[in-house]
């Protein structure tokens, strides 16, 4: 946990940060729904479980923690992997964006503003509890996992992806610093203006997004694989597995995101965005085929946790 902030302060900062980010969140992270996005989400779920792709209607009732704008839930619904979905987030703004995305896709989703450490659901309500890039925002991860254990049915499945590894997060700072240093040259080559904020321009990606001054207060954990495994085991889960994903793709992605964040969005050419998107997919496939499963989980930027609630 952040050394100088109380749990209530961390929750408050998370609400403010994610409410401010909600409007532009999908465009910032190139979030889409349907087609390739369904394949991406389905692949991540299967990888986290260490099994083949989940079949149609694999989970009757699913709960997403920290659902954001709906990337995981809506794509799993669209792919037919889950039948009914409940989405929680501490940010009302994020859930408003999720409902708009669901309406656009003709999907039915229940949304509930909720703190992950105090879930407003009855015991044994869901077959699947999952989330993406959310555990590292929570003040008390152990308490949150205990709540997830409570609302899962016996034999139910827990899956979390996109959690920063301690070593991988440190490694990722290298491409971020490099991109920041070459950003003026990059903008010059692309004839892109520096991003304007309140009449001033900034050279630093860290100054660019709405509410970004709160970012250091909402990212409160980076995990080792052993820590994640121990937390899940202490919460009562069994068959606990922690996997790593994305190394080359992460370096490539953070370099490009850092460069793009220093420029006016309208000035970033379409061809550059296509290069960044398809380059990321190519390196992601390379990571999956050559590196994941061969290198220790902790060297990757993202950790994936899967576990099961014991049968009675």
Protein backbone atom coordinates (compact mmCIF):
# COMPACT_ATOMS: atom_id res chain seq x y z
CA UNK A 1 0.00 0.00 0.00
CA UNK A 2 1.04 3.61 -0.56
CA UNK A 3 3.06 4.51 2.51
CA UNK A 4 1.37 7.84 3.28
CA UNK A 5 -2.26 7.29 2.31
CA UNK A 6 -5.09 5.70 4.27
CA UNK A 7 -7.38 3.11 2.65
CA UNK A 8 -10.19 5.68 2.48
CA UNK A 9 -7.90 8.16 0.72
CA UNK A 10 -6.85 5.53 -1.82
CA UNK A 11 -10.49 4.71 -2.55
CA UNK A 12 -11.35 8.40 -2.92
CA UNK A 13 -8.43 8.99 -5.29
CA UNK A 14 -9.45 5.94 -7.33
CA UNK A 15 -12.97 7.31 -7.75
CA UNK A 16 -11.74 10.75 -8.78
CA UNK A 17 -9.02 9.45 -11.11
CA UNK A 18 -11.22 6.93 -12.92
CA UNK A 19 -14.21 9.28 -13.14
CA UNK A 20 -11.94 11.82 -14.85
CA UNK A 21 -10.48 9.18 -17.17
CA UNK A 22 -13.77 7.51 -18.15
CA UNK A 23 -14.71 9.74 -21.10
CA UNK A 24 -11.50 9.12 -23.05
CA UNK A 25 -10.52 5.74 -21.60
CA UNK A 26 -11.50 3.60 -24.59
CA UNK A 27 -9.69 5.78 -27.11
CA UNK A 28 -6.58 6.06 -24.91
CA UNK A 29 -6.20 2.29 -24.61
CA UNK A 30 -7.61 1.39 -28.06
CA UNK A 31 -10.44 -0.57 -26.44
CA UNK A 32 -12.86 -2.18 -28.85
CA UNK A 33 -15.79 -4.56 -28.77
CA UNK A 34 -16.41 -7.53 -31.05
CA UNK A 35 -14.19 -9.29 -33.57
CA UNK A 36 -10.48 -9.05 -32.67
CA UNK A 37 -11.29 -7.69 -29.20
CA UNK A 38 -13.43 -10.73 -28.42
CA UNK A 39 -10.56 -12.96 -29.55
CA UNK A 40 -8.10 -11.04 -27.33
CA UNK A 41 -10.26 -11.31 -24.22
CA UNK A 42 -11.17 -14.94 -24.87
CA UNK A 43 -7.47 -15.74 -25.35
CA UNK A 44 -6.51 -14.03 -22.09
CA UNK A 45 -9.15 -15.94 -20.15
CA UNK A 46 -8.00 -19.25 -21.62
CA UNK A 47 -4.34 -18.43 -20.97
CA UNK A 48 -5.02 -17.50 -17.36
CA UNK A 49 -6.88 -20.77 -16.84
CA UNK A 50 -4.09 -22.74 -18.54
CA UNK A 51 -6.68 -24.53 -20.63
CA UNK A 52 -8.26 -24.49 -24.06
CA UNK A 53 -10.76 -21.79 -25.01
CA UNK A 54 -13.83 -21.69 -22.80
CA UNK A 55 -16.87 -23.00 -24.65
CA UNK A 56 -20.27 -21.34 -25.16
CA UNK A 57 -22.14 -20.52 -21.96
CA UNK A 58 -19.24 -21.77 -19.85
CA UNK A 59 -20.36 -19.56 -16.96
CA UNK A 60 -24.01 -18.88 -16.16
CA UNK A 61 -23.40 -15.98 -13.76
CA UNK A 62 -20.26 -13.86 -13.85
CA UNK A 63 -19.08 -10.96 -11.72
CA UNK A 64 -16.41 -8.53 -12.90
CA UNK A 65 -14.56 -6.50 -10.28
CA UNK A 66 -13.34 -3.06 -11.41
CA UNK A 67 -15.05 -3.50 -14.77
CA UNK A 68 -14.16 -0.05 -16.12
CA UNK A 69 -15.83 0.61 -19.47
CA UNK A 70 -16.66 -3.07 -20.00
CA UNK A 71 -13.83 -4.40 -22.16
CA UNK A 72 -13.73 -7.85 -20.60
CA UNK A 73 -17.38 -8.41 -19.71
CA UNK A 74 -18.89 -7.11 -22.94
CA UNK A 75 -16.50 -9.08 -25.13
CA UNK A 76 -17.06 -12.28 -23.13
CA UNK A 77 -20.82 -11.75 -23.41
CA UNK A 78 -20.48 -11.12 -27.13
CA UNK A 79 -18.41 -14.29 -27.50
CA UNK A 80 -21.06 -16.29 -25.62
CA UNK A 81 -18.66 -17.40 -22.87
CA UNK A 82 -20.83 -15.96 -20.08
CA UNK A 83 -24.63 -15.91 -19.99
CA UNK A 84 -25.37 -13.20 -17.43
CA UNK A 85 -22.99 -10.53 -16.11
CA UNK A 86 -22.82 -8.18 -13.15
CA UNK A 87 -20.18 -5.44 -13.31
CA UNK A 88 -18.87 -3.53 -10.32
CA UNK A 89 -16.57 -0.55 -10.14
CA UNK A 90 -15.82 2.07 -7.52
CA UNK A 91 -16.14 4.73 -10.24
CA UNK A 92 -19.66 5.80 -11.31
CA UNK A 93 -18.16 7.45 -14.37
CA UNK A 94 -16.64 4.19 -15.59
CA UNK A 95 -19.92 2.33 -15.14
CA UNK A 96 -21.80 5.04 -17.05
CA UNK A 97 -19.39 4.50 -19.96
CA UNK A 98 -19.88 0.73 -19.64
CA UNK A 99 -23.66 1.06 -19.85
CA UNK A 100 -23.31 3.20 -22.97
CA UNK A 101 -21.03 0.60 -24.55
CA UNK A 102 -23.43 -2.20 -23.62
CA UNK A 103 -26.38 -0.31 -25.13
CA UNK A 104 -24.42 0.25 -28.35
CA UNK A 105 -23.79 -3.48 -28.61
CA UNK A 106 -27.30 -4.53 -27.61
CA UNK A 107 -26.02 -6.30 -24.50
CA UNK A 108 -27.75 -6.58 -21.12
CA UNK A 109 -25.51 -5.99 -18.10
CA UNK A 110 -26.18 -5.20 -14.44
CA UNK A 111 -23.90 -2.50 -13.02
CA UNK A 112 -23.30 -1.83 -9.32
CA UNK A 113 -21.08 0.84 -7.77
CA UNK A 114 -19.21 -1.16 -5.15
CA UNK A 115 -15.98 -1.41 -3.20
CA UNK A 116 -14.25 -4.72 -3.92
CA UNK A 117 -13.56 -5.23 -0.21
CA UNK A 118 -17.29 -5.07 0.65
CA UNK A 119 -19.31 -6.72 -2.12
CA UNK A 120 -23.10 -6.21 -1.85
CA UNK A 121 -24.00 -9.74 -3.01
CA UNK A 122 -25.25 -12.87 -1.29
CA UNK A 123 -23.01 -15.83 -0.61
CA UNK A 124 -22.50 -18.24 -3.53
CA UNK A 125 -23.97 -15.96 -6.19
CA UNK A 126 -21.55 -16.43 -9.12
CA UNK A 127 -19.76 -19.18 -11.06
CA UNK A 128 -16.99 -16.82 -12.24
CA UNK A 129 -15.39 -13.79 -10.56
CA UNK A 130 -12.82 -11.99 -12.66
CA UNK A 131 -11.10 -8.68 -13.34
CA UNK A 132 -8.38 -7.00 -15.34
CA UNK A 133 -5.79 -4.56 -13.96
CA UNK A 134 -7.70 -3.99 -10.74
CA UNK A 135 -6.06 -5.78 -7.78
CA UNK A 136 -3.15 -3.32 -7.73
CA UNK A 137 -5.62 -0.47 -7.05
CA UNK A 138 -7.13 -2.05 -3.91
CA UNK A 139 -6.04 -1.01 -0.40
CA UNK A 140 -6.62 -4.49 1.07
CA UNK A 141 -6.19 -7.19 -1.59
CA UNK A 142 -6.55 -10.01 0.95
CA UNK A 143 -9.94 -8.74 2.16
CA UNK A 144 -11.13 -8.29 -1.42
CA UNK A 145 -10.14 -11.86 -2.34
CA UNK A 146 -11.95 -13.14 0.77
CA UNK A 147 -15.10 -11.35 -0.43
CA UNK A 148 -14.73 -12.87 -3.89
CA UNK A 149 -14.35 -16.31 -2.29
CA UNK A 150 -17.57 -15.69 -0.35
CA UNK A 151 -19.69 -14.79 -3.40
CA UNK A 152 -18.40 -17.68 -5.56
CA UNK A 153 -20.27 -20.96 -5.64
CA UNK A 154 -18.34 -24.03 -4.47
CA UNK A 155 -16.13 -25.05 -7.37
CA UNK A 156 -16.37 -21.52 -8.82
CA UNK A 157 -13.53 -19.91 -10.74
CA UNK A 158 -11.43 -16.83 -9.98
CA UNK A 159 -9.43 -15.12 -12.75
CA UNK A 160 -7.45 -11.87 -12.73
CA UNK A 161 -5.18 -10.62 -15.51
CA UNK A 162 -3.16 -7.49 -16.16
CA UNK A 163 -1.65 -7.15 -12.69
CA UNK A 164 1.80 -5.47 -12.70
CA UNK A 165 4.72 -7.60 -11.61
CA UNK A 166 7.28 -5.88 -9.41
CA UNK A 167 10.23 -6.71 -11.68
CA UNK A 168 8.29 -6.23 -14.92
CA UNK A 169 7.07 -2.83 -13.77
CA UNK A 170 10.66 -1.75 -13.09
CA UNK A 171 11.79 -2.99 -16.51
CA UNK A 172 8.94 -1.07 -18.19
CA UNK A 173 10.32 2.24 -16.91
CA UNK A 174 13.21 1.96 -19.37
CA UNK A 175 11.14 2.30 -22.59
CA UNK A 176 9.01 4.99 -20.94
CA UNK A 177 12.07 7.11 -20.12
CA UNK A 178 13.56 6.52 -23.56
CA UNK A 179 10.33 7.53 -25.29
CA UNK A 180 10.04 10.69 -23.21
CA UNK A 181 13.57 11.71 -24.20
CA UNK A 182 12.99 11.25 -27.94
CA UNK A 183 9.42 12.60 -27.98
CA UNK A 184 10.36 16.07 -29.38
CA UNK A 185 12.17 14.46 -32.34
CA UNK A 186 9.29 12.02 -32.89
CA UNK A 187 6.74 14.85 -32.96
CA UNK A 188 8.94 16.80 -35.36
CA UNK A 189 9.14 13.87 -37.78
CA UNK A 190 5.37 13.38 -37.64
CA UNK A 191 4.68 17.14 -37.66
CA UNK A 192 2.63 16.73 -34.49
CA UNK A 193 2.07 19.58 -32.04
CA UNK A 194 2.91 19.13 -28.34
CA UNK A 195 -0.16 18.32 -26.28
CA UNK A 196 -1.83 21.48 -24.98
CA UNK A 197 -3.08 21.69 -21.40
CA UNK A 198 -4.61 24.94 -20.11
CA UNK A 199 -2.65 26.99 -22.62
CA UNK A 200 0.64 25.21 -21.92
CA UNK A 201 2.36 22.36 -23.69
CA UNK A 202 3.97 19.41 -21.97
CA UNK A 203 6.86 17.17 -22.89
CA UNK A 204 5.94 14.52 -20.37
CA UNK A 205 3.32 11.81 -20.74
CA UNK A 206 2.85 11.86 -16.97
CA UNK A 207 1.29 15.33 -17.24
CA UNK A 208 -1.16 14.61 -20.01
CA UNK A 209 -4.27 12.71 -19.03
CA UNK A 210 -7.20 14.10 -17.01
CA UNK A 211 -6.68 13.39 -13.31
CA UNK A 212 -3.24 11.94 -14.01
CA UNK A 213 -1.71 13.74 -11.03
CA UNK A 214 -3.56 11.13 -8.94
CA UNK A 215 -1.97 8.17 -10.73
CA UNK A 216 0.74 7.66 -8.12
CA UNK A 217 -1.98 7.39 -5.49
CA UNK A 218 -4.15 4.81 -7.28
CA UNK A 219 -1.45 2.34 -8.37
CA UNK A 220 -0.65 1.08 -4.89
CA UNK A 221 0.76 -2.43 -5.52
CA UNK A 222 3.11 -4.31 -7.79
CA UNK A 223 3.25 -8.03 -7.08
CA UNK A 224 5.64 -10.92 -7.18
CA UNK A 225 4.09 -14.20 -8.37
CA UNK A 226 4.60 -15.63 -4.89
CA UNK A 227 2.69 -12.78 -3.26
CA UNK A 228 -0.34 -13.21 -5.51
CA UNK A 229 -0.34 -16.95 -4.96
CA UNK A 230 -0.08 -16.55 -1.19
CA UNK A 231 -2.90 -13.99 -1.05
CA UNK A 232 -5.25 -16.27 -2.98
CA UNK A 233 -4.35 -19.29 -0.85
CA UNK A 234 -4.89 -17.36 2.38
CA UNK A 235 -8.34 -16.29 1.12
CA UNK A 236 -9.30 -19.98 0.87
CA UNK A 237 -8.72 -20.74 -2.82
CA UNK A 238 -7.13 -23.90 -4.21
CA UNK A 239 -5.56 -24.84 -7.57
CA UNK A 240 -3.85 -21.44 -7.52
CA UNK A 241 -1.71 -20.59 -10.55
CA UNK A 242 0.15 -17.39 -11.45
CA UNK A 243 1.37 -16.87 -15.01
CA UNK A 244 3.21 -14.04 -16.75
CA UNK A 245 2.43 -12.45 -20.09
CA UNK A 246 3.79 -9.72 -22.36
CA UNK A 247 7.43 -8.73 -22.36
CA UNK A 248 8.40 -7.53 -25.85
CA UNK A 249 4.83 -6.38 -26.53
CA UNK A 250 4.87 -4.41 -23.30
CA UNK A 251 8.12 -2.59 -24.10
CA UNK A 252 6.78 -1.77 -27.57
CA UNK A 253 3.38 -0.70 -26.26
CA UNK A 254 4.68 1.55 -23.50
CA UNK A 255 7.13 3.22 -25.87
CA UNK A 256 4.36 4.08 -28.31
CA UNK A 257 1.83 5.13 -25.67
CA UNK A 258 4.39 7.42 -24.05
CA UNK A 259 5.20 9.07 -27.38
CA UNK A 260 1.54 9.47 -28.34
CA UNK A 261 0.67 10.96 -24.95
CA UNK A 262 2.94 13.96 -25.61
CA UNK A 263 1.19 14.97 -28.85
CA UNK A 264 -2.17 16.42 -29.78
CA UNK A 265 -4.29 13.33 -30.55
CA UNK A 266 -5.55 14.75 -33.85
CA UNK A 267 -1.94 15.11 -35.06
CA UNK A 268 -1.00 11.44 -34.58
CA UNK A 269 -1.35 9.92 -38.08
CA UNK A 270 -3.67 7.02 -38.76
CA UNK A 271 -0.78 5.04 -40.28
CA UNK A 272 1.21 5.42 -37.06
CA UNK A 273 -1.71 4.14 -35.01
CA UNK A 274 -2.10 1.13 -37.33
CA UNK A 275 1.62 0.42 -37.04
CA UNK A 276 1.46 0.64 -33.24
CA UNK A 277 -1.61 -1.61 -33.02
CA UNK A 278 -0.44 -4.32 -35.42
CA UNK A 279 3.13 -4.21 -34.11
CA UNK A 280 1.80 -4.84 -30.63
CA UNK A 281 -0.20 -7.86 -31.86
CA UNK A 282 2.84 -9.31 -33.63
CA UNK A 283 5.03 -9.00 -30.53
CA UNK A 284 2.24 -10.31 -28.33
CA UNK A 285 2.12 -13.45 -30.47
CA UNK A 286 5.92 -13.70 -30.27
CA UNK A 287 5.79 -13.43 -26.49
CA UNK A 288 3.14 -16.13 -26.36
CA UNK A 289 4.94 -18.57 -28.64
CA UNK A 290 8.58 -18.07 -27.58
CA UNK A 291 8.80 -16.49 -24.12
CA UNK A 292 5.72 -17.21 -22.03
CA UNK A 293 6.11 -20.55 -20.34
CA UNK A 294 9.88 -20.47 -20.78
CA UNK A 295 10.82 -17.46 -18.67
CA UNK A 296 9.88 -16.92 -15.00
CA UNK A 297 6.47 -15.26 -14.57
CA UNK A 298 7.96 -12.36 -12.64
CA UNK A 299 9.99 -10.95 -15.55
CA UNK A 300 6.84 -10.21 -17.55
CA UNK A 301 4.97 -6.95 -17.09
CA UNK A 302 1.58 -8.59 -16.49
CA UNK A 303 0.70 -11.34 -14.05
CA UNK A 304 -2.37 -13.55 -14.39
CA UNK A 305 -3.97 -15.27 -11.41
CA UNK A 306 -6.38 -18.20 -11.59
CA UNK A 307 -7.83 -20.23 -8.73
CA UNK A 308 -10.84 -22.24 -7.69
CA UNK A 309 -13.10 -22.24 -4.66
CA UNK A 310 -13.08 -25.73 -3.14
CA UNK A 311 -16.11 -27.97 -3.57
CA UNK A 312 -18.04 -28.71 -0.43
